[in-house]
Amino acid sequence: MIMKKKTSIPRWLQIASTVIANAAIVLSIIYIVFYILDGFNPMLHFLDEQVFVTRYLDVILAGLSLVLGVVFLVCTWKLFYRKQGKKAKHAHNEAEQDYE
């Protein structure tokens, strides 16, 4: 079995995945806040609540987007930035051992 050398992930991909996760979180929170404001003040009428199914389907999709954004952000953080933290911690432990 031939093992391939693991290549590093491009920096633009790390940045893009973080931006997408944060955008999903922010946009879903904004939609949920507008939905709540529309419920308290129907004169604003941000969202059309004529159809029963779309009224709750939109909120469900916004909630799922919020959950997906948080999960995606945590997973990308673990994938991209955890290795750097381990390297720094390992170097710190070696420095402490040298000091002793």
Protein backbone atom coordinates (compact mmCIF):
# COMPACT_ATOMS: atom_id res chain seq x y z
CA MET A 1 0.00 0.00 0.00
CA ILE A 2 1.46 3.32 -1.06
CA MET A 3 1.03 6.22 1.33
CA LYS A 4 0.74 9.67 -0.18
CA LYS A 5 2.35 12.63 1.47
CA LYS A 6 -0.25 14.85 3.10
CA THR A 7 -0.35 18.23 1.40
CA SER A 8 -1.18 21.42 3.22
CA ILE A 9 -4.51 23.10 2.70
CA PRO A 10 -4.33 26.46 0.87
CA ARG A 11 -4.81 29.54 3.02
CA TRP A 12 -7.60 30.92 0.79
CA LEU A 13 -9.63 27.76 1.45
CA GLN A 14 -9.24 28.22 5.19
CA ILE A 15 -10.38 31.84 4.96
CA ALA A 16 -13.29 31.03 2.62
CA SER A 17 -14.64 28.28 4.87
CA THR A 18 -14.47 30.55 7.92
CA VAL A 19 -16.23 33.38 6.07
CA ILE A 20 -19.00 31.06 4.84
CA ALA A 21 -19.61 29.67 8.34
CA ASN A 22 -19.72 33.15 9.90
CA ALA A 23 -22.01 34.46 7.15
CA ALA A 24 -24.45 31.59 7.69
CA ILE A 25 -24.54 32.32 11.43
CA VAL A 26 -25.03 36.08 11.03
CA LEU A 27 -27.68 35.85 8.30
CA SER A 28 -29.71 33.25 10.15
CA ILE A 29 -29.65 35.32 13.35
CA ILE A 30 -30.75 38.42 11.42
CA TYR A 31 -33.66 36.50 9.85
CA ILE A 32 -34.78 35.10 13.20
CA VAL A 33 -34.63 38.57 14.79
CA PHE A 34 -36.69 40.05 11.94
CA TYR A 35 -39.22 37.23 12.35
CA ILE A 36 -39.54 37.97 16.07
CA LEU A 37 -39.85 41.74 15.46
CA ASP A 38 -42.49 41.09 12.82
CA GLY A 39 -44.47 39.03 15.33
CA PHE A 40 -44.47 41.81 17.91
CA ASN A 41 -45.19 44.65 15.49
CA PRO A 42 -47.31 43.50 12.54
CA MET A 43 -47.32 47.03 11.13
CA LEU A 44 -43.68 46.57 10.09
CA HIS A 45 -44.67 43.55 8.00
CA PHE A 46 -41.11 42.42 7.18
CA LEU A 47 -42.20 38.92 6.31
CA ASP A 48 -45.34 37.81 4.58
CA GLU A 49 -47.23 35.43 6.85
CA GLN A 50 -50.12 34.57 4.55
CA VAL A 51 -49.22 30.92 4.05
CA PHE A 52 -49.02 28.75 7.16
CA VAL A 53 -46.32 26.38 5.83
CA THR A 54 -43.84 29.03 4.69
CA ARG A 55 -44.18 30.95 7.94
CA TYR A 56 -42.65 28.10 9.94
CA LEU A 57 -40.53 26.61 7.17
CA ASP A 58 -38.50 29.81 6.89
CA VAL A 59 -37.80 29.84 10.63
CA ILE A 60 -36.87 26.15 10.58
CA LEU A 61 -34.45 26.74 7.71
CA ALA A 62 -32.92 29.73 9.52
CA GLY A 63 -32.48 27.62 12.66
CA LEU A 64 -30.88 24.81 10.69
CA SER A 65 -28.60 27.32 9.00
CA LEU A 66 -27.55 28.60 12.41
CA VAL A 67 -26.77 25.09 13.65
CA LEU A 68 -24.97 24.20 10.43
CA GLY A 69 -22.88 27.38 10.58
CA VAL A 70 -21.79 26.66 14.15
CA VAL A 71 -20.94 23.03 13.37
CA PHE A 72 -19.07 24.02 10.20
CA LEU A 73 -17.11 26.68 12.10
CA VAL A 74 -16.11 24.23 14.84
CA CYS A 75 -15.11 21.56 12.31
CA THR A 76 -13.04 23.94 10.21
CA TRP A 77 -11.35 25.27 13.33
CA LYS A 78 -10.43 21.75 14.40
CA LEU A 79 -9.25 20.83 10.91
CA PHE A 80 -7.19 23.92 10.10
CA TYR A 81 -6.07 25.53 13.35
CA ARG A 82 -5.71 22.67 15.83
CA LYS A 83 -2.44 21.47 14.32
CA GLN A 84 -0.85 24.89 14.76
CA GLY A 85 -1.85 24.91 18.41
CA LYS A 86 -0.36 21.46 18.97
CA LYS A 87 2.92 22.54 17.39
CA ALA A 88 3.10 25.62 19.61
CA LYS A 89 2.23 23.60 22.72
CA HIS A 90 4.86 20.98 21.85
CA ALA A 91 7.50 23.69 21.36
CA HIS A 92 6.50 25.27 24.69
CA ASN A 93 6.82 21.92 26.49
CA GLU A 94 10.26 21.36 24.96
CA ALA A 95 11.35 24.83 26.08
CA GLU A 96 10.18 24.09 29.64
CA GLN A 97 12.11 20.81 29.69
CA ASP A 98 15.24 22.59 28.47
CA TYR A 99 14.83 25.21 31.18
CA GLU A 100 14.64 22.60 33.95
